[in-house]
Each structure stands twice: as structure tokens, then as C-alpha cells.
Amino acid sequence: MGDISQNWLILRNGGHEIGLFQGLFERNSLTFNPGWDSDAQKFDTFTDVRELERQLKVQGKEFMSGAGKFCGNGSRRRPILVDQHV
């Protein structure tokens, strides 16, 4: 799945997936897509990213930016992108 001419591919092996996006992000990142199944189809119910952010903040996790904003502040920590399409 993907488009090599646009520099992105999704590779699948069993229940595992890896997305390759050349030039889209400044650094290597982990991504999560709540609301989508492994075929990019919308779940009937899922936890919205803003709720996930709230829950993590209650646990004391720090964010480089809030839900809906790209984060890339040059930190040495690996960015985690929670990417909600629905």
C-alpha cells in the first residue's frame, strides 16, 4: 500500500505494519492511528486523540504540542505522532 512516487509506503507482515514516509517528518517517529483498523477502515467506536492526550497528561506525560498540532521542537526524544483521520 502506498505511492513510491510520493515517497510513502505501508508495509505489512501478518499483524504488523510499518509506514515509511520519506521527507514528511523531520526525524524518525512512532505513529498511531486511533479510529482505523489495519485496512484503514473506520472503527464504529474508538477513543478520540484529545481524550488520549488528556489521559496521558493525568499520568504526568509531557507533550511537545497538543492534539491536532505537528510537534517538532528539536528534542532528542523520539516524537510520537498520534494521527487521527476520522
PDB file of N, CA and C in Angstrom:
ATOM      1  N   MET A   1       0.859  -1.172   0.000  1.00  0.00           N
ATOM      2  CA  MET A   1       0.000   0.000   0.000  1.00  0.00           C
ATOM      3  C   MET A   1       0.903   1.233   0.000  1.00  0.00           C
ATOM      4  N   GLY A   2       0.513   2.243  -0.728  1.00  0.00           N
ATOM      5  CA  GLY A   2       1.276   3.475  -0.745  1.00  0.00           C
ATOM      6  C   GLY A   2       1.535   3.960  -2.153  1.00  0.00           C
ATOM      7  N   ASP A   3       2.433   4.919  -2.251  1.00  0.00           N
ATOM      8  CA  ASP A   3       2.782   5.502  -3.543  1.00  0.00           C
ATOM      9  C   ASP A   3       4.251   5.904  -3.496  1.00  0.00           C
ATOM     10  N   ILE A   4       5.099   5.073  -4.071  1.00  0.00           N
ATOM     11  CA  ILE A   4       6.543   5.327  -4.035  1.00  0.00           C
ATOM     12  C   ILE A   4       6.885   6.655  -4.694  1.00  0.00           C
ATOM     13  N   SER A   5       6.091   7.097  -5.679  1.00  0.00           N
ATOM     14  CA  SER A   5       6.373   8.379  -6.334  1.00  0.00           C
ATOM     15  C   SER A   5       6.123   9.561  -5.392  1.00  0.00           C
ATOM     16  N   GLN A   6       5.323   9.336  -4.338  1.00  0.00           N
ATOM     17  CA  GLN A   6       5.070  10.367  -3.330  1.00  0.00           C
ATOM     18  C   GLN A   6       5.895  10.116  -2.065  1.00  0.00           C
ATOM     19  N   ASN A   7       6.811   9.151  -2.134  1.00  0.00           N
ATOM     20  CA  ASN A   7       7.746   8.838  -1.046  1.00  0.00           C
ATOM     21  C   ASN A   7       7.076   8.292   0.209  1.00  0.00           C
ATOM     22  N   TRP A   8       6.033   7.458   0.043  1.00  0.00           N
ATOM     23  CA  TRP A   8       5.467   6.797   1.210  1.00  0.00           C
ATOM     24  C   TRP A   8       4.978   5.400   0.858  1.00  0.00           C
ATOM     25  N   LEU A   9       5.150   4.480   1.798  1.00  0.00           N
ATOM     26  CA  LEU A   9       4.705   3.096   1.665  1.00  0.00           C
ATOM     27  C   LEU A   9       4.271   2.576   3.026  1.00  0.00           C
ATOM     28  N   ILE A  10       3.308   1.667   3.036  1.00  0.00           N
ATOM     29  CA  ILE A  10       2.914   0.944   4.241  1.00  0.00           C
ATOM     30  C   ILE A  10       3.242  -0.522   3.985  1.00  0.00           C
ATOM     31  N   LEU A  11       4.099  -1.092   4.819  1.00  0.00           N
ATOM     32  CA  LEU A  11       4.497  -2.489   4.675  1.00  0.00           C
ATOM     33  C   LEU A  11       3.774  -3.313   5.727  1.00  0.00           C
ATOM     34  N   ARG A  12       3.268  -4.475   5.318  1.00  0.00           N
ATOM     35  CA  ARG A  12       2.541  -5.354   6.240  1.00  0.00           C
ATOM     36  C   ARG A  12       3.143  -6.745   6.224  1.00  0.00           C
ATOM     37  N   ASN A  13       3.181  -7.351   7.422  1.00  0.00           N
ATOM     38  CA  ASN A  13       3.614  -8.733   7.567  1.00  0.00           C
ATOM     39  C   ASN A  13       2.805  -9.313   8.714  1.00  0.00           C
ATOM     40  N   GLY A  14       1.818 -10.131   8.392  1.00  0.00           N
ATOM     41  CA  GLY A  14       0.932 -10.658   9.422  1.00  0.00           C
ATOM     42  C   GLY A  14       0.173  -9.522  10.072  1.00  0.00           C
ATOM     43  N   GLY A  15       0.203  -9.461  11.386  1.00  0.00           N
ATOM     44  CA  GLY A  15      -0.486  -8.399  12.115  1.00  0.00           C
ATOM     45  C   GLY A  15       0.373  -7.177  12.381  1.00  0.00           C
ATOM     46  N   HIS A  16       1.517  -7.083  11.721  1.00  0.00           N
ATOM     47  CA  HIS A  16       2.437  -5.971  11.957  1.00  0.00           C
ATOM     48  C   HIS A  16       2.499  -5.059  10.734  1.00  0.00           C
ATOM     49  N   GLU A  17       2.620  -3.769  10.996  1.00  0.00           N
ATOM     50  CA  GLU A  17       2.703  -2.788   9.917  1.00  0.00           C
ATOM     51  C   GLU A  17       3.794  -1.781  10.229  1.00  0.00           C
ATOM     52  N   ILE A  18       4.426  -1.293   9.174  1.00  0.00           N
ATOM     53  CA  ILE A  18       5.380  -0.203   9.319  1.00  0.00           C
ATOM     54  C   ILE A  18       5.146   0.765   8.168  1.00  0.00           C
ATOM     55  N   GLY A  19       5.109   2.039   8.486  1.00  0.00           N
ATOM     56  CA  GLY A  19       4.936   3.064   7.471  1.00  0.00           C
ATOM     57  C   GLY A  19       6.256   3.762   7.207  1.00  0.00           C
ATOM     58  N   LEU A  20       6.577   3.925   5.944  1.00  0.00           N
ATOM     59  CA  LEU A  20       7.798   4.625   5.539  1.00  0.00           C
ATOM     60  C   LEU A  20       7.378   5.904   4.830  1.00  0.00           C
ATOM     61  N   PHE A  21       7.793   7.043   5.374  1.00  0.00           N
ATOM     62  CA  PHE A  21       7.405   8.346   4.839  1.00  0.00           C
ATOM     63  C   PHE A  21       8.667   9.188   4.676  1.00  0.00           C
ATOM     64  N   GLN A  22       9.249   9.200   3.495  1.00  0.00           N
ATOM     65  CA  GLN A  22      10.481   9.945   3.271  1.00  0.00           C
ATOM     66  C   GLN A  22      10.187  11.424   3.087  1.00  0.00           C
ATOM     67  N   GLY A  23      10.828  12.250   3.931  1.00  0.00           N
ATOM     68  CA  GLY A  23      10.716  13.693   3.809  1.00  0.00           C
ATOM     69  C   GLY A  23       9.482  14.301   4.439  1.00  0.00           C
ATOM     70  N   LEU A  24       8.577  13.495   4.980  1.00  0.00           N
ATOM     71  CA  LEU A  24       7.359  14.025   5.585  1.00  0.00           C
ATOM     72  C   LEU A  24       7.614  14.570   6.986  1.00  0.00           C
ATOM     73  N   PHE A  25       8.482  13.907   7.732  1.00  0.00           N
ATOM     74  CA  PHE A  25       8.787  14.305   9.097  1.00  0.00           C
ATOM     75  C   PHE A  25      10.268  14.631   9.216  1.00  0.00           C
ATOM     76  N   GLU A  26      10.581  15.531  10.113  1.00  0.00           N
ATOM     77  CA  GLU A  26      11.969  15.959  10.302  1.00  0.00           C
ATOM     78  C   GLU A  26      12.832  14.831  10.851  1.00  0.00           C
ATOM     79  N   ARG A  27      12.258  14.003  11.723  1.00  0.00           N
ATOM     80  CA  ARG A  27      13.006  12.928  12.379  1.00  0.00           C
ATOM     81  C   ARG A  27      12.203  11.651  12.354  1.00  0.00           C
ATOM     82  N   ASN A  28      12.852  10.533  12.709  1.00  0.00           N
ATOM     83  CA  ASN A  28      12.121   9.274  12.852  1.00  0.00           C
ATOM     84  C   ASN A  28      11.057   9.438  13.927  1.00  0.00           C
ATOM     85  N   SER A  29       9.886   8.858  13.734  1.00  0.00           N
ATOM     86  CA  SER A  29       8.807   8.968  14.703  1.00  0.00           C
ATOM     87  C   SER A  29       8.031   7.664  14.779  1.00  0.00           C
ATOM     88  N   LEU A  30       7.342   7.503  15.876  1.00  0.00           N
ATOM     89  CA  LEU A  30       6.350   6.441  16.013  1.00  0.00           C
ATOM     90  C   LEU A  30       4.993   7.050  15.722  1.00  0.00           C
ATOM     91  N   THR A  31       4.134   6.315  15.038  1.00  0.00           N
ATOM     92  CA  THR A  31       2.796   6.841  14.765  1.00  0.00           C
ATOM     93  C   THR A  31       1.730   5.845  15.204  1.00  0.00           C
ATOM     94  N   PHE A  32       0.607   6.387  15.617  1.00  0.00           N
ATOM     95  CA  PHE A  32      -0.558   5.592  15.986  1.00  0.00           C
ATOM     96  C   PHE A  32      -1.768   6.235  15.320  1.00  0.00           C
ATOM     97  N   ASN A  33      -2.696   5.419  14.875  1.00  0.00           N
ATOM     98  CA  ASN A  33      -3.880   5.924  14.180  1.00  0.00           C
ATOM     99  C   ASN A  33      -5.157   5.400  14.835  1.00  0.00           C
ATOM    100  N   PRO A  34      -5.560   5.972  15.967  1.00  0.00           N
ATOM    101  CA  PRO A  34      -6.808   5.514  16.567  1.00  0.00           C
ATOM    102  C   PRO A  34      -7.974   5.818  15.639  1.00  0.00           C
ATOM    103  N   GLY A  35      -8.923   4.904  15.574  1.00  0.00           N
ATOM    104  CA  GLY A  35     -10.092   5.103  14.722  1.00  0.00           C
ATOM    105  C   GLY A  35     -10.036   4.330  13.432  1.00  0.00           C
ATOM    106  N   TRP A  36      -8.862   3.784  13.081  1.00  0.00           N
ATOM    107  CA  TRP A  36      -8.712   2.996  11.858  1.00  0.00           C
ATOM    108  C   TRP A  36      -8.308   1.569  12.182  1.00  0.00           C
ATOM    109  N   ASP A  37      -8.835   0.625  11.395  1.00  0.00           N
ATOM    110  CA  ASP A  37      -8.357  -0.744  11.513  1.00  0.00           C
ATOM    111  C   ASP A  37      -7.147  -0.933  10.592  1.00  0.00           C
ATOM    112  N   SER A  38      -6.647  -2.153  10.479  1.00  0.00           N
ATOM    113  CA  SER A  38      -5.436  -2.398   9.690  1.00  0.00           C
ATOM    114  C   SER A  38      -5.648  -2.205   8.192  1.00  0.00           C
ATOM    115  N   ASP A  39      -6.905  -2.070   7.754  1.00  0.00           N
ATOM    116  CA  ASP A  39      -7.210  -1.792   6.349  1.00  0.00           C
ATOM    117  C   ASP A  39      -7.625  -0.341   6.131  1.00  0.00           C
ATOM    118  N   ALA A  40      -7.318   0.541   7.094  1.00  0.00           N
ATOM    119  CA  ALA A  40      -7.655   1.972   7.038  1.00  0.00           C
ATOM    120  C   ALA A  40      -9.162   2.191   6.947  1.00  0.00           C
ATOM    121  N   GLN A  41      -9.923   1.305   7.579  1.00  0.00           N
ATOM    122  CA  GLN A  41     -11.375   1.451   7.657  1.00  0.00           C
ATOM    123  C   GLN A  41     -11.743   1.950   9.045  1.00  0.00           C
ATOM    124  N   LYS A  42     -12.730   2.821   9.113  1.00  0.00           N
ATOM    125  CA  LYS A  42     -13.129   3.452  10.371  1.00  0.00           C
ATOM    126  C   LYS A  42     -13.777   2.441  11.321  1.00  0.00           C
ATOM    127  N   PHE A  43     -13.332   2.476  12.601  1.00  0.00           N
ATOM    128  CA  PHE A  43     -13.988   1.705  13.658  1.00  0.00           C
ATOM    129  C   PHE A  43     -15.324   2.364  13.995  1.00  0.00           C
ATOM    130  N   ASP A  44     -16.285   1.572  14.437  1.00  0.00           N
ATOM    131  CA  ASP A  44     -17.562   2.143  14.878  1.00  0.00           C
ATOM    132  C   ASP A  44     -17.359   3.010  16.112  1.00  0.00           C
ATOM    133  N   THR A  45     -16.509   2.562  17.031  1.00  0.00           N
ATOM    134  CA  THR A  45     -16.192   3.342  18.232  1.00  0.00           C
ATOM    135  C   THR A  45     -14.682   3.308  18.460  1.00  0.00           C
ATOM    136  N   PHE A  46     -14.140   4.387  19.003  1.00  0.00           N
ATOM    137  CA  PHE A  46     -12.727   4.468  19.331  1.00  0.00           C
ATOM    138  C   PHE A  46     -12.541   5.651  20.272  1.00  0.00           C
ATOM    139  N   THR A  47     -11.380   5.716  20.908  1.00  0.00           N
ATOM    140  CA  THR A  47     -11.065   6.825  21.805  1.00  0.00           C
ATOM    141  C   THR A  47     -10.416   7.947  21.006  1.00  0.00           C
ATOM    142  N   ASP A  48     -11.016   9.122  21.040  1.00  0.00           N
ATOM    143  CA  ASP A  48     -10.519  10.284  20.320  1.00  0.00           C
ATOM    144  C   ASP A  48      -9.145  10.688  20.853  1.00  0.00           C
ATOM    145  N   VAL A  49      -8.272  11.197  19.974  1.00  0.00           N
ATOM    146  CA  VAL A  49      -6.915  11.567  20.383  1.00  0.00           C
ATOM    147  C   VAL A  49      -6.895  12.612  21.485  1.00  0.00           C
ATOM    148  N   ARG A  50      -7.875  13.494  21.523  1.00  0.00           N
ATOM    149  CA  ARG A  50      -7.901  14.504  22.584  1.00  0.00           C
ATOM    150  C   ARG A  50      -8.127  13.860  23.944  1.00  0.00           C
ATOM    151  N   GLU A  51      -8.913  12.781  23.973  1.00  0.00           N
ATOM    152  CA  GLU A  51      -9.123  12.042  25.220  1.00  0.00           C
ATOM    153  C   GLU A  51      -7.855  11.273  25.592  1.00  0.00           C
ATOM    154  N   LEU A  52      -7.188  10.686  24.599  1.00  0.00           N
ATOM    155  CA  LEU A  52      -5.921  10.004  24.876  1.00  0.00           C
ATOM    156  C   LEU A  52      -4.900  10.979  25.456  1.00  0.00           C
ATOM    157  N   GLU A  53      -4.833  12.173  24.889  1.00  0.00           N
ATOM    158  CA  GLU A  53      -3.921  13.198  25.386  1.00  0.00           C
ATOM    159  C   GLU A  53      -4.254  13.556  26.834  1.00  0.00           C
ATOM    160  N   ARG A  54      -5.533  13.744  27.133  1.00  0.00           N
ATOM    161  CA  ARG A  54      -5.947  14.084  28.495  1.00  0.00           C
ATOM    162  C   ARG A  54      -5.526  12.995  29.472  1.00  0.00           C
ATOM    163  N   GLN A  55      -5.759  11.722  29.102  1.00  0.00           N
ATOM    164  CA  GLN A  55      -5.405  10.608  29.978  1.00  0.00           C
ATOM    165  C   GLN A  55      -3.896  10.548  30.233  1.00  0.00           C
ATOM    166  N   LEU A  56      -3.106  10.782  29.208  1.00  0.00           N
ATOM    167  CA  LEU A  56      -1.655  10.757  29.368  1.00  0.00           C
ATOM    168  C   LEU A  56      -1.157  11.915  30.221  1.00  0.00           C
ATOM    169  N   LYS A  57      -1.773  13.083  30.071  1.00  0.00           N
ATOM    170  CA  LYS A  57      -1.379  14.234  30.899  1.00  0.00           C
ATOM    171  C   LYS A  57      -1.679  13.972  32.367  1.00  0.00           C
ATOM    172  N   VAL A  58      -2.797  13.318  32.654  1.00  0.00           N
ATOM    173  CA  VAL A  58      -3.146  12.968  34.036  1.00  0.00           C
ATOM    174  C   VAL A  58      -2.069  12.052  34.622  1.00  0.00           C
ATOM    175  N   GLN A  59      -1.453  11.218  33.785  1.00  0.00           N
ATOM    176  CA  GLN A  59      -0.387  10.315  34.225  1.00  0.00           C
ATOM    177  C   GLN A  59       0.969  11.020  34.308  1.00  0.00           C
ATOM    178  N   GLY A  60       1.000  12.325  34.007  1.00  0.00           N
ATOM    179  CA  GLY A  60       2.237  13.083  34.118  1.00  0.00           C
ATOM    180  C   GLY A  60       3.093  13.107  32.866  1.00  0.00           C
ATOM    181  N   LYS A  61       2.566  12.634  31.731  1.00  0.00           N
ATOM    182  CA  LYS A  61       3.337  12.654  30.487  1.00  0.00           C
ATOM    183  C   LYS A  61       3.383  14.069  29.932  1.00  0.00           C
ATOM    184  N   GLU A  62       4.538  14.444  29.377  1.00  0.00           N
ATOM    185  CA  GLU A  62       4.713  15.774  28.801  1.00  0.00           C
ATOM    186  C   GLU A  62       4.543  15.708  27.285  1.00  0.00           C
ATOM    187  N   PHE A  63       4.013  16.785  26.710  1.00  0.00           N
ATOM    188  CA  PHE A  63       3.785  16.872  25.271  1.00  0.00           C
ATOM    189  C   PHE A  63       4.562  18.046  24.697  1.00  0.00           C
ATOM    190  N   MET A  64       5.095  17.859  23.489  1.00  0.00           N
ATOM    191  CA  MET A  64       5.764  18.959  22.794  1.00  0.00           C
ATOM    192  C   MET A  64       4.731  19.911  22.214  1.00  0.00           C
ATOM    193  N   SER A  65       3.557  19.393  21.875  1.00  0.00           N
ATOM    194  CA  SER A  65       2.435  20.209  21.418  1.00  0.00           C
ATOM    195  C   SER A  65       1.164  19.409  21.632  1.00  0.00           C
ATOM    196  N   GLY A  66       0.026  20.080  21.523  1.00  0.00           N
ATOM    197  CA  GLY A  66      -1.247  19.445  21.809  1.00  0.00           C
ATOM    198  C   GLY A  66      -1.836  18.705  20.618  1.00  0.00           C
ATOM    199  N   ALA A  67      -2.932  18.021  20.863  1.00  0.00           N
ATOM    200  CA  ALA A  67      -3.629  17.266  19.815  1.00  0.00           C
ATOM    201  C   ALA A  67      -3.957  18.181  18.651  1.00  0.00           C
ATOM    202  N   GLY A  68      -3.739  17.675  17.452  1.00  0.00           N
ATOM    203  CA  GLY A  68      -4.042  18.447  16.258  1.00  0.00           C
ATOM    204  C   GLY A  68      -2.912  19.333  15.783  1.00  0.00           C
ATOM    205  N   LYS A  69      -1.790  19.337  16.497  1.00  0.00           N
ATOM    206  CA  LYS A  69      -0.661  20.181  16.118  1.00  0.00           C
ATOM    207  C   LYS A  69       0.549  19.311  15.831  1.00  0.00           C
ATOM    208  N   PHE A  70       1.301  19.647  14.779  1.00  0.00           N
ATOM    209  CA  PHE A  70       2.543  18.937  14.487  1.00  0.00           C
ATOM    210  C   PHE A  70       3.571  19.292  15.549  1.00  0.00           C
ATOM    211  N   CYS A  71       4.302  18.311  16.026  1.00  0.00           N
ATOM    212  CA  CYS A  71       5.321  18.592  17.025  1.00  0.00           C
ATOM    213  C   CYS A  71       6.696  18.260  16.472  1.00  0.00           C
ATOM    214  N   GLY A  72       7.568  19.208  16.547  1.00  0.00           N
ATOM    215  CA  GLY A  72       8.933  19.011  16.104  1.00  0.00           C
ATOM    216  C   GLY A  72       9.794  20.122  16.651  1.00  0.00           C
ATOM    217  N   ASN A  73      10.181  20.018  17.908  1.00  0.00           N
ATOM    218  CA  ASN A  73      10.920  21.114  18.536  1.00  0.00           C
ATOM    219  C   ASN A  73      12.415  20.829  18.658  1.00  0.00           C
ATOM    220  N   GLY A  74      12.892  19.799  17.960  1.00  0.00           N
ATOM    221  CA  GLY A  74      14.318  19.502  18.027  1.00  0.00           C
ATOM    222  C   GLY A  74      14.729  18.717  19.259  1.00  0.00           C
ATOM    223  N   SER A  75      13.769  18.270  20.056  1.00  0.00           N
ATOM    224  CA  SER A  75      14.086  17.489  21.245  1.00  0.00           C
ATOM    225  C   SER A  75      14.800  16.198  20.837  1.00  0.00           C
ATOM    226  N   ARG A  76      15.638  15.688  21.714  1.00  0.00           N
ATOM    227  CA  ARG A  76      16.324  14.425  21.430  1.00  0.00           C
ATOM    228  C   ARG A  76      15.402  13.231  21.640  1.00  0.00           C
ATOM    229  N   ARG A  77      14.268  13.414  22.262  1.00  0.00           N
ATOM    230  CA  ARG A  77      13.319  12.315  22.443  1.00  0.00           C
ATOM    231  C   ARG A  77      12.679  11.987  21.108  1.00  0.00           C
ATOM    232  N   ARG A  78      12.327  10.702  20.918  1.00  0.00           N
ATOM    233  CA  ARG A  78      11.650  10.302  19.681  1.00  0.00           C
ATOM    234  C   ARG A  78      10.223  10.817  19.697  1.00  0.00           C
ATOM    235  N   PRO A  79       9.840  11.562  18.665  1.00  0.00           N
ATOM    236  CA  PRO A  79       8.448  12.033  18.592  1.00  0.00           C
ATOM    237  C   PRO A  79       7.494  10.868  18.393  1.00  0.00           C
ATOM    238  N   ILE A  80       6.324  10.975  18.973  1.00  0.00           N
ATOM    239  CA  ILE A  80       5.239  10.019  18.750  1.00  0.00           C
ATOM    240  C   ILE A  80       4.087  10.808  18.169  1.00  0.00           C
ATOM    241  N   LEU A  81       3.682  10.447  16.977  1.00  0.00           N
ATOM    242  CA  LEU A  81       2.590  11.129  16.296  1.00  0.00           C
ATOM    243  C   LEU A  81       1.332  10.287  16.415  1.00  0.00           C
ATOM    244  N   VAL A  82       0.315  10.815  17.059  1.00  0.00           N
ATOM    245  CA  VAL A  82      -0.990  10.166  17.111  1.00  0.00           C
ATOM    246  C   VAL A  82      -1.806  10.825  16.026  1.00  0.00           C
ATOM    247  N   ASP A  83      -2.075  10.096  14.970  1.00  0.00           N
ATOM    248  CA  ASP A  83      -2.609  10.637  13.729  1.00  0.00           C
ATOM    249  C   ASP A  83      -4.036  10.135  13.526  1.00  0.00           C
ATOM    250  N   GLN A  84      -5.011  10.951  13.844  1.00  0.00           N
ATOM    251  CA  GLN A  84      -6.414  10.542  13.753  1.00  0.00           C
ATOM    252  C   GLN A  84      -7.036  11.072  12.470  1.00  0.00           C
ATOM    253  N   HIS A  85      -7.496  10.157  11.633  1.00  0.00           N
ATOM    254  CA  HIS A  85      -8.053  10.525  10.327  1.00  0.00           C
ATOM    255  C   HIS A  85      -9.576  10.621  10.329  1.00  0.00           C
ATOM    256  N   VAL A  86     -10.215  10.163  11.374  1.00  0.00           N
ATOM    257  CA  VAL A  86     -11.687  10.168  11.417  1.00  0.00           C
ATOM    258  C   VAL A  86     -12.174  11.050  12.540  1.00  0.00           C
TER     259      VAL A  86
END
